[in-house]
């Protein structure tokens, strides 16, 4: 994972994801903003509000990581969420684009020395570098951008540049997104674009690079990396290009119900 500590590709990717979503939002009227997004309980504007409040919160983490100050705590989040929830859909959309532009511009302005020295503790226990912070932001922003894009184009995919980076972060994520099943199975997973090989254990809900030990696989899953990303995020509906043996896609989807 060459990009684990190199922030440069992550900076480019969060910029590209922001630009993509800003372009989508620019073409939406009030009805479009109030339309349901892929997330069944959120309208498009709700998704934008979530990303806008997230931009403000991530900006606090960026400031802490640059200055060496204390990271934000839960008491800092509530007033931000309340302010965003009180806004109209139109205001949520406009402010979301502006807030994320501010965040991305701030990150882009960091000097090489600031990027290298950056450290911040996330969620009270996880020290990360700048690439780590941007990885968390990209995983949120790119997938929620898809939540909006797919309402406008059912064939929309998560952006390839985001997939190229996020595919290697999935092992860190599945423990949070996965749900243990009564009849677990070990699955040999292979992806294309980019090519990767993993072992998925649906009992403990772990995803590890192939060859790192564990129970021999009793099933196989071959699919595009973009589809694996959406599977882990609970967003795999169509199964084109997804080939499973020894386990069904429906069973795998039950492991990752989404959030």
C-alpha atoms as a PDB file:
ATOM      1  CA  UNK A   1       0.000   0.000   0.000  1.00  0.00           C
ATOM      2  CA  UNK A   2       2.355   2.701  -1.250  1.00  0.00           C
ATOM      3  CA  UNK A   3      -0.200   5.433  -0.636  1.00  0.00           C
ATOM      4  CA  UNK A   4      -0.710   4.643   3.046  1.00  0.00           C
ATOM      5  CA  UNK A   5       1.431   7.577   4.169  1.00  0.00           C
ATOM      6  CA  UNK A   6       1.753   9.613   0.954  1.00  0.00           C
ATOM      7  CA  UNK A   7      -0.973  12.243   1.092  1.00  0.00           C
ATOM      8  CA  UNK A   8      -0.570  13.453  -2.511  1.00  0.00           C
ATOM      9  CA  UNK A   9      -2.925  10.982  -4.270  1.00  0.00           C
ATOM     10  CA  UNK A  10      -5.494  11.444  -1.508  1.00  0.00           C
ATOM     11  CA  UNK A  11      -5.411  15.224  -1.908  1.00  0.00           C
ATOM     12  CA  UNK A  12      -6.019  14.828  -5.631  1.00  0.00           C
ATOM     13  CA  UNK A  13      -8.824  12.338  -5.061  1.00  0.00           C
ATOM     14  CA  UNK A  14     -10.739  14.458  -2.534  1.00  0.00           C
ATOM     15  CA  UNK A  15     -10.466  17.410  -4.940  1.00  0.00           C
ATOM     16  CA  UNK A  16     -11.792  15.320  -7.824  1.00  0.00           C
ATOM     17  CA  UNK A  17     -14.638  13.927  -5.717  1.00  0.00           C
ATOM     18  CA  UNK A  18     -15.631  17.427  -4.628  1.00  0.00           C
ATOM     19  CA  UNK A  19     -15.581  18.712  -8.203  1.00  0.00           C
ATOM     20  CA  UNK A  20     -17.748  15.804  -9.355  1.00  0.00           C
ATOM     21  CA  UNK A  21     -20.386  16.377  -6.695  1.00  0.00           C
ATOM     22  CA  UNK A  22     -20.366  20.150  -7.182  1.00  0.00           C
ATOM     23  CA  UNK A  23     -21.078  19.617 -10.885  1.00  0.00           C
ATOM     24  CA  UNK A  24     -23.983  17.298 -10.071  1.00  0.00           C
ATOM     25  CA  UNK A  25     -25.489  19.713  -7.568  1.00  0.00           C
ATOM     26  CA  UNK A  26     -25.211  22.659  -9.949  1.00  0.00           C
ATOM     27  CA  UNK A  27     -27.810  21.083 -12.208  1.00  0.00           C
ATOM     28  CA  UNK A  28     -30.424  20.356  -9.531  1.00  0.00           C
ATOM     29  CA  UNK A  29     -33.553  22.400  -8.865  1.00  0.00           C
ATOM     30  CA  UNK A  30     -35.646  22.326  -5.695  1.00  0.00           C
ATOM     31  CA  UNK A  31     -37.402  19.152  -6.772  1.00  0.00           C
ATOM     32  CA  UNK A  32     -34.125  17.422  -7.478  1.00  0.00           C
ATOM     33  CA  UNK A  33     -32.748  18.382  -4.080  1.00  0.00           C
ATOM     34  CA  UNK A  34     -35.848  16.972  -2.390  1.00  0.00           C
ATOM     35  CA  UNK A  35     -35.758  13.721  -4.356  1.00  0.00           C
ATOM     36  CA  UNK A  36     -34.792  10.573  -2.485  1.00  0.00           C
ATOM     37  CA  UNK A  37     -31.155   9.655  -2.760  1.00  0.00           C
ATOM     38  CA  UNK A  38     -29.918   6.068  -2.786  1.00  0.00           C
ATOM     39  CA  UNK A  39     -29.998   6.229   1.023  1.00  0.00           C
ATOM     40  CA  UNK A  40     -33.649   5.425   1.670  1.00  0.00           C
ATOM     41  CA  UNK A  41     -34.022   7.769   4.651  1.00  0.00           C
ATOM     42  CA  UNK A  42     -32.211  10.717   3.051  1.00  0.00           C
ATOM     43  CA  UNK A  43     -33.116  13.112   0.281  1.00  0.00           C
ATOM     44  CA  UNK A  44     -30.369  14.422  -1.990  1.00  0.00           C
ATOM     45  CA  UNK A  45     -30.276  17.558   0.173  1.00  0.00           C
ATOM     46  CA  UNK A  46     -29.900  15.406   3.288  1.00  0.00           C
ATOM     47  CA  UNK A  47     -26.837  13.762   1.751  1.00  0.00           C
ATOM     48  CA  UNK A  48     -25.411  17.187   0.936  1.00  0.00           C
ATOM     49  CA  UNK A  49     -26.143  18.380   4.474  1.00  0.00           C
ATOM     50  CA  UNK A  50     -24.314  15.357   5.867  1.00  0.00           C
ATOM     51  CA  UNK A  51     -21.310  16.047   3.666  1.00  0.00           C
ATOM     52  CA  UNK A  52     -21.388  19.743   4.529  1.00  0.00           C
ATOM     53  CA  UNK A  53     -21.387  19.133   8.269  1.00  0.00           C
ATOM     54  CA  UNK A  54     -18.703  16.508   7.708  1.00  0.00           C
ATOM     55  CA  UNK A  55     -16.571  19.058   5.867  1.00  0.00           C
ATOM     56  CA  UNK A  56     -16.755  21.392   8.855  1.00  0.00           C
ATOM     57  CA  UNK A  57     -15.870  18.587  11.264  1.00  0.00           C
ATOM     58  CA  UNK A  58     -12.971  17.363   9.128  1.00  0.00           C
ATOM     59  CA  UNK A  59     -11.735  20.943   8.929  1.00  0.00           C
ATOM     60  CA  UNK A  60     -11.431  20.908  12.724  1.00  0.00           C
ATOM     61  CA  UNK A  61      -9.355  17.735  12.505  1.00  0.00           C
ATOM     62  CA  UNK A  62      -7.152  19.298   9.827  1.00  0.00           C
ATOM     63  CA  UNK A  63      -6.560  22.356  12.006  1.00  0.00           C
ATOM     64  CA  UNK A  64      -5.666  20.150  14.975  1.00  0.00           C
ATOM     65  CA  UNK A  65      -3.311  18.017  12.914  1.00  0.00           C
ATOM     66  CA  UNK A  66      -1.497  21.046  11.527  1.00  0.00           C
ATOM     67  CA  UNK A  67      -1.229  23.033  14.760  1.00  0.00           C
ATOM     68  CA  UNK A  68      -0.766  20.157  17.183  1.00  0.00           C
ATOM     69  CA  UNK A  69      -3.868  21.275  19.059  1.00  0.00           C
ATOM     70  CA  UNK A  70      -6.558  19.102  20.595  1.00  0.00           C
ATOM     71  CA  UNK A  71      -8.825  17.316  18.116  1.00  0.00           C
ATOM     72  CA  UNK A  72     -12.551  18.081  18.218  1.00  0.00           C
ATOM     73  CA  UNK A  73     -14.777  16.114  20.572  1.00  0.00           C
ATOM     74  CA  UNK A  74     -18.386  15.024  20.456  1.00  0.00           C
ATOM     75  CA  UNK A  75     -19.436  18.263  22.127  1.00  0.00           C
ATOM     76  CA  UNK A  76     -18.165  20.124  19.054  1.00  0.00           C
ATOM     77  CA  UNK A  77     -20.217  18.063  16.619  1.00  0.00           C
ATOM     78  CA  UNK A  78     -23.751  18.596  17.914  1.00  0.00           C
ATOM     79  CA  UNK A  79     -24.043  22.351  17.190  1.00  0.00           C
ATOM     80  CA  UNK A  80     -22.668  21.785  13.690  1.00  0.00           C
ATOM     81  CA  UNK A  81     -25.262  19.084  12.978  1.00  0.00           C
ATOM     82  CA  UNK A  82     -28.076  21.193  14.426  1.00  0.00           C
ATOM     83  CA  UNK A  83     -27.148  24.168  12.265  1.00  0.00           C
ATOM     84  CA  UNK A  84     -27.130  22.071   9.117  1.00  0.00           C
ATOM     85  CA  UNK A  85     -30.391  20.307   9.945  1.00  0.00           C
ATOM     86  CA  UNK A  86     -32.139  23.673  10.360  1.00  0.00           C
ATOM     87  CA  UNK A  87     -31.332  24.834   6.819  1.00  0.00           C
ATOM     88  CA  UNK A  88     -33.527  24.586   3.744  1.00  0.00           C
ATOM     89  CA  UNK A  89     -32.589  22.070   1.039  1.00  0.00           C
ATOM     90  CA  UNK A  90     -31.407  24.884  -1.211  1.00  0.00           C
ATOM     91  CA  UNK A  91     -29.236  26.326   1.544  1.00  0.00           C
ATOM     92  CA  UNK A  92     -27.907  22.896   2.453  1.00  0.00           C
ATOM     93  CA  UNK A  93     -26.827  22.323  -1.130  1.00  0.00           C
ATOM     94  CA  UNK A  94     -25.145  25.684  -1.592  1.00  0.00           C
ATOM     95  CA  UNK A  95     -23.407  25.627   1.777  1.00  0.00           C
ATOM     96  CA  UNK A  96     -22.313  22.014   1.330  1.00  0.00           C
ATOM     97  CA  UNK A  97     -20.444  22.829  -1.852  1.00  0.00           C
ATOM     98  CA  UNK A  98     -18.883  25.886  -0.208  1.00  0.00           C
ATOM     99  CA  UNK A  99     -17.885  24.040   2.974  1.00  0.00           C
ATOM    100  CA  UNK A 100     -16.242  21.220   1.084  1.00  0.00           C
ATOM    101  CA  UNK A 101     -14.445  23.648  -1.215  1.00  0.00           C
ATOM    102  CA  UNK A 102     -13.058  25.343   1.900  1.00  0.00           C
ATOM    103  CA  UNK A 103     -11.901  21.983   3.278  1.00  0.00           C
ATOM    104  CA  UNK A 104     -10.249  20.871   0.052  1.00  0.00           C
ATOM    105  CA  UNK A 105      -8.595  24.239  -0.509  1.00  0.00           C
ATOM    106  CA  UNK A 106      -7.243  24.173   3.045  1.00  0.00           C
ATOM    107  CA  UNK A 107      -5.724  20.728   2.489  1.00  0.00           C
ATOM    108  CA  UNK A 108      -4.256  21.748  -0.868  1.00  0.00           C
ATOM    109  CA  UNK A 109      -2.607  24.776   0.767  1.00  0.00           C
ATOM    110  CA  UNK A 110      -0.567  22.723   3.232  1.00  0.00           C
ATOM    111  CA  UNK A 111       3.175  22.828   2.655  1.00  0.00           C
ATOM    112  CA  UNK A 112       5.149  19.612   2.140  1.00  0.00           C
ATOM    113  CA  UNK A 113       6.529  20.049   5.649  1.00  0.00           C
ATOM    114  CA  UNK A 114       3.040  20.424   7.129  1.00  0.00           C
ATOM    115  CA  UNK A 115       1.824  17.342   5.292  1.00  0.00           C
ATOM    116  CA  UNK A 116       4.760  15.293   6.535  1.00  0.00           C
ATOM    117  CA  UNK A 117       4.443  16.429  10.148  1.00  0.00           C
ATOM    118  CA  UNK A 118       0.638  16.102  10.283  1.00  0.00           C
ATOM    119  CA  UNK A 119      -0.733  13.847  13.061  1.00  0.00           C
ATOM    120  CA  UNK A 120      -4.129  13.873  14.752  1.00  0.00           C
ATOM    121  CA  UNK A 121      -6.108  11.494  16.929  1.00  0.00           C
ATOM    122  CA  UNK A 122      -9.444  10.485  15.406  1.00  0.00           C
ATOM    123  CA  UNK A 123     -12.421   9.330  17.442  1.00  0.00           C
ATOM    124  CA  UNK A 124     -10.454   9.604  20.668  1.00  0.00           C
ATOM    125  CA  UNK A 125      -8.185   6.634  20.007  1.00  0.00           C
ATOM    126  CA  UNK A 126      -6.815   6.431  16.471  1.00  0.00           C
ATOM    127  CA  UNK A 127      -3.685   8.480  15.624  1.00  0.00           C
ATOM    128  CA  UNK A 128      -3.470   9.054  11.873  1.00  0.00           C
ATOM    129  CA  UNK A 129      -1.416  11.014   9.377  1.00  0.00           C
ATOM    130  CA  UNK A 130      -2.829  13.283   6.670  1.00  0.00           C
ATOM    131  CA  UNK A 131      -3.346  10.396   4.253  1.00  0.00           C
ATOM    132  CA  UNK A 132      -5.333   8.615   6.958  1.00  0.00           C
ATOM    133  CA  UNK A 133      -7.632  11.593   7.534  1.00  0.00           C
ATOM    134  CA  UNK A 134      -8.166  12.091   3.819  1.00  0.00           C
ATOM    135  CA  UNK A 135      -8.820   8.386   3.379  1.00  0.00           C
ATOM    136  CA  UNK A 136     -11.676   8.622   5.875  1.00  0.00           C
ATOM    137  CA  UNK A 137     -13.028  11.700   4.144  1.00  0.00           C
ATOM    138  CA  UNK A 138     -12.760  10.221   0.665  1.00  0.00           C
ATOM    139  CA  UNK A 139     -14.510   6.998   1.690  1.00  0.00           C
ATOM    140  CA  UNK A 140     -17.424   9.075   2.934  1.00  0.00           C
ATOM    141  CA  UNK A 141     -17.480  11.646   0.158  1.00  0.00           C
ATOM    142  CA  UNK A 142     -17.013   9.345  -2.829  1.00  0.00           C
ATOM    143  CA  UNK A 143     -19.699   6.882  -1.745  1.00  0.00           C
ATOM    144  CA  UNK A 144     -22.222   9.586  -0.858  1.00  0.00           C
ATOM    145  CA  UNK A 145     -21.472  11.263  -4.177  1.00  0.00           C
ATOM    146  CA  UNK A 146     -22.547   7.992  -5.759  1.00  0.00           C
ATOM    147  CA  UNK A 147     -25.715   8.097  -3.613  1.00  0.00           C
ATOM    148  CA  UNK A 148     -26.577  11.304  -5.448  1.00  0.00           C
ATOM    149  CA  UNK A 149     -25.247  10.343  -8.885  1.00  0.00           C
ATOM    150  CA  UNK A 150     -27.202   7.106  -9.076  1.00  0.00           C
ATOM    151  CA  UNK A 151     -30.490   8.957  -8.574  1.00  0.00           C
ATOM    152  CA  UNK A 152     -29.731  10.801 -11.818  1.00  0.00           C
ATOM    153  CA  UNK A 153     -28.122   7.921 -13.705  1.00  0.00           C
ATOM    154  CA  UNK A 154     -28.917   4.328 -12.660  1.00  0.00           C
ATOM    155  CA  UNK A 155     -25.688   3.187 -14.331  1.00  0.00           C
ATOM    156  CA  UNK A 156     -23.492   5.488 -12.214  1.00  0.00           C
ATOM    157  CA  UNK A 157     -20.380   4.021 -10.608  1.00  0.00           C
ATOM    158  CA  UNK A 158     -18.127   5.151  -7.803  1.00  0.00           C
ATOM    159  CA  UNK A 159     -15.335   7.156  -9.435  1.00  0.00           C
ATOM    160  CA  UNK A 160     -12.351   5.008 -10.548  1.00  0.00           C
ATOM    161  CA  UNK A 161      -9.717   7.230  -8.924  1.00  0.00           C
ATOM    162  CA  UNK A 162     -11.494   6.853  -5.576  1.00  0.00           C
ATOM    163  CA  UNK A 163     -11.879   3.095  -6.034  1.00  0.00           C
ATOM    164  CA  UNK A 164      -8.158   2.726  -6.785  1.00  0.00           C
ATOM    165  CA  UNK A 165      -7.340   4.183  -3.377  1.00  0.00           C
ATOM    166  CA  UNK A 166     -10.229   2.933  -1.271  1.00  0.00           C
ATOM    167  CA  UNK A 167      -9.995  -0.725  -2.294  1.00  0.00           C
ATOM    168  CA  UNK A 168      -6.954  -1.187  -0.052  1.00  0.00           C
ATOM    169  CA  UNK A 169      -8.736   0.419   2.911  1.00  0.00           C
ATOM    170  CA  UNK A 170     -11.598  -2.086   2.867  1.00  0.00           C
ATOM    171  CA  UNK A 171      -9.906  -4.480   5.331  1.00  0.00           C
ATOM    172  CA  UNK A 172     -10.004  -1.656   7.895  1.00  0.00           C
ATOM    173  CA  UNK A 173     -13.680  -1.008   7.210  1.00  0.00           C
ATOM    174  CA  UNK A 174     -15.435  -4.359   7.096  1.00  0.00           C
ATOM    175  CA  UNK A 175     -15.332  -4.854  10.859  1.00  0.00           C
ATOM    176  CA  UNK A 176     -17.466  -1.729  11.212  1.00  0.00           C
ATOM    177  CA  UNK A 177     -19.841  -2.317   8.310  1.00  0.00           C
ATOM    178  CA  UNK A 178     -20.198  -6.098   8.478  1.00  0.00           C
ATOM    179  CA  UNK A 179     -22.744  -8.157  10.375  1.00  0.00           C
ATOM    180  CA  UNK A 180     -22.037 -11.705  11.515  1.00  0.00           C
ATOM    181  CA  UNK A 181     -24.229 -14.396   9.979  1.00  0.00           C
ATOM    182  CA  UNK A 182     -25.429 -17.684  11.465  1.00  0.00           C
ATOM    183  CA  UNK A 183     -23.751 -19.833   8.833  1.00  0.00           C
ATOM    184  CA  UNK A 184     -20.398 -18.193   8.097  1.00  0.00           C
ATOM    185  CA  UNK A 185     -18.255 -18.998   5.109  1.00  0.00           C
ATOM    186  CA  UNK A 186     -14.731 -18.131   4.054  1.00  0.00           C
ATOM    187  CA  UNK A 187     -14.642 -16.581   0.587  1.00  0.00           C
ATOM    188  CA  UNK A 188     -11.706 -16.108  -1.780  1.00  0.00           C
ATOM    189  CA  UNK A 189     -12.313 -12.698  -3.345  1.00  0.00           C
ATOM    190  CA  UNK A 190     -10.655 -11.445  -6.526  1.00  0.00           C
ATOM    191  CA  UNK A 191     -11.223  -8.055  -8.122  1.00  0.00           C
ATOM    192  CA  UNK A 192     -10.458  -6.280 -11.354  1.00  0.00           C
ATOM    193  CA  UNK A 193      -9.764  -2.587 -11.970  1.00  0.00           C
ATOM    194  CA  UNK A 194      -7.631  -2.738  -9.891  1.00  0.00           C
ATOM    195  CA  UNK A 195      -6.676  -6.372  -9.414  1.00  0.00           C
ATOM    196  CA  UNK A 196      -6.676  -7.513  -5.796  1.00  0.00           C
ATOM    197  CA  UNK A 197      -7.056 -10.787  -3.904  1.00  0.00           C
ATOM    198  CA  UNK A 198      -8.640 -11.007  -0.464  1.00  0.00           C
ATOM    199  CA  UNK A 199     -10.025 -13.575   1.924  1.00  0.00           C
ATOM    200  CA  UNK A 200     -13.411 -12.689   3.397  1.00  0.00           C
ATOM    201  CA  UNK A 201     -14.556 -14.412   6.597  1.00  0.00           C
ATOM    202  CA  UNK A 202     -18.284 -13.783   7.081  1.00  0.00           C
ATOM    203  CA  UNK A 203     -18.188 -15.199  10.614  1.00  0.00           C
ATOM    204  CA  UNK A 204     -15.802 -12.769  12.254  1.00  0.00           C
ATOM    205  CA  UNK A 205     -16.433 -10.412   9.338  1.00  0.00           C
ATOM    206  CA  UNK A 206     -12.856  -9.801   8.340  1.00  0.00           C
ATOM    207  CA  UNK A 207     -11.270  -9.054   4.988  1.00  0.00           C
ATOM    208  CA  UNK A 208      -7.565  -9.767   4.655  1.00  0.00           C
ATOM    209  CA  UNK A 209      -5.139  -9.804   1.744  1.00  0.00           C
ATOM    210  CA  UNK A 210      -4.984 -13.313   0.297  1.00  0.00           C
ATOM    211  CA  UNK A 211      -2.301 -15.538   1.742  1.00  0.00           C
ATOM    212  CA  UNK A 212      -2.316 -14.125   5.263  1.00  0.00           C
ATOM    213  CA  UNK A 213      -3.471 -17.385   6.818  1.00  0.00           C
ATOM    214  CA  UNK A 214      -6.836 -18.292   8.278  1.00  0.00           C
ATOM    215  CA  UNK A 215      -9.423 -20.871   7.231  1.00  0.00           C
ATOM    216  CA  UNK A 216      -9.156 -22.201   3.652  1.00  0.00           C
ATOM    217  CA  UNK A 217     -11.770 -20.675   1.373  1.00  0.00           C
ATOM    218  CA  UNK A 218     -14.909 -22.698   0.693  1.00  0.00           C
ATOM    219  CA  UNK A 219     -16.391 -20.175  -1.745  1.00  0.00           C
ATOM    220  CA  UNK A 220     -15.243 -17.697  -4.373  1.00  0.00           C
ATOM    221  CA  UNK A 221     -16.287 -14.211  -5.424  1.00  0.00           C
ATOM    222  CA  UNK A 222     -14.996 -12.432  -8.531  1.00  0.00           C
ATOM    223  CA  UNK A 223     -16.097  -8.890  -9.301  1.00  0.00           C
ATOM    224  CA  UNK A 224     -14.911  -5.392 -10.202  1.00  0.00           C
ATOM    225  CA  UNK A 225     -13.249  -3.568  -7.313  1.00  0.00           C
ATOM    226  CA  UNK A 226     -15.938  -0.876  -7.579  1.00  0.00           C
ATOM    227  CA  UNK A 227     -18.624  -3.499  -6.979  1.00  0.00           C
ATOM    228  CA  UNK A 228     -16.764  -4.889  -3.956  1.00  0.00           C
ATOM    229  CA  UNK A 229     -16.578  -1.384  -2.541  1.00  0.00           C
ATOM    230  CA  UNK A 230     -20.327  -0.937  -2.927  1.00  0.00           C
ATOM    231  CA  UNK A 231     -20.967  -4.400  -1.482  1.00  0.00           C
ATOM    232  CA  UNK A 232     -19.071  -3.508   1.696  1.00  0.00           C
ATOM    233  CA  UNK A 233     -20.995  -0.230   1.913  1.00  0.00           C
ATOM    234  CA  UNK A 234     -24.329  -2.018   1.456  1.00  0.00           C
ATOM    235  CA  UNK A 235     -24.900  -0.555  -1.998  1.00  0.00           C
ATOM    236  CA  UNK A 236     -24.657  -3.469  -4.406  1.00  0.00           C
ATOM    237  CA  UNK A 237     -28.017  -3.930  -6.128  1.00  0.00           C
ATOM    238  CA  UNK A 238     -27.213  -4.963  -9.680  1.00  0.00           C
ATOM    239  CA  UNK A 239     -25.019  -8.017 -10.054  1.00  0.00           C
ATOM    240  CA  UNK A 240     -23.585  -7.515 -13.544  1.00  0.00           C
ATOM    241  CA  UNK A 241     -20.009  -8.757 -13.625  1.00  0.00           C
ATOM    242  CA  UNK A 242     -20.324 -10.357 -10.174  1.00  0.00           C
ATOM    243  CA  UNK A 243     -19.611 -14.096 -10.102  1.00  0.00           C
ATOM    244  CA  UNK A 244     -20.020 -16.118  -6.902  1.00  0.00           C
ATOM    245  CA  UNK A 245     -19.651 -19.844  -6.221  1.00  0.00           C
ATOM    246  CA  UNK A 246     -20.270 -21.619  -2.931  1.00  0.00           C
ATOM    247  CA  UNK A 247     -22.077 -18.549  -1.639  1.00  0.00           C
ATOM    248  CA  UNK A 248     -24.775 -16.341  -3.122  1.00  0.00           C
ATOM    249  CA  UNK A 249     -24.584 -12.599  -3.637  1.00  0.00           C
ATOM    250  CA  UNK A 250     -27.760 -12.343  -1.561  1.00  0.00           C
ATOM    251  CA  UNK A 251     -25.994 -14.046   1.334  1.00  0.00           C
ATOM    252  CA  UNK A 252     -23.043 -11.707   1.027  1.00  0.00           C
ATOM    253  CA  UNK A 253     -25.326  -8.684   0.948  1.00  0.00           C
ATOM    254  CA  UNK A 254     -26.834  -9.824   4.245  1.00  0.00           C
ATOM    255  CA  UNK A 255     -23.348  -9.510   5.769  1.00  0.00           C
ATOM    256  CA  UNK A 256     -23.160  -5.866   4.669  1.00  0.00           C
ATOM    257  CA  UNK A 257     -26.602  -4.291   5.211  1.00  0.00           C
ATOM    258  CA  UNK A 258     -25.311  -0.757   4.675  1.00  0.00           C
ATOM    259  CA  UNK A 259     -25.351   2.457   6.646  1.00  0.00           C
END
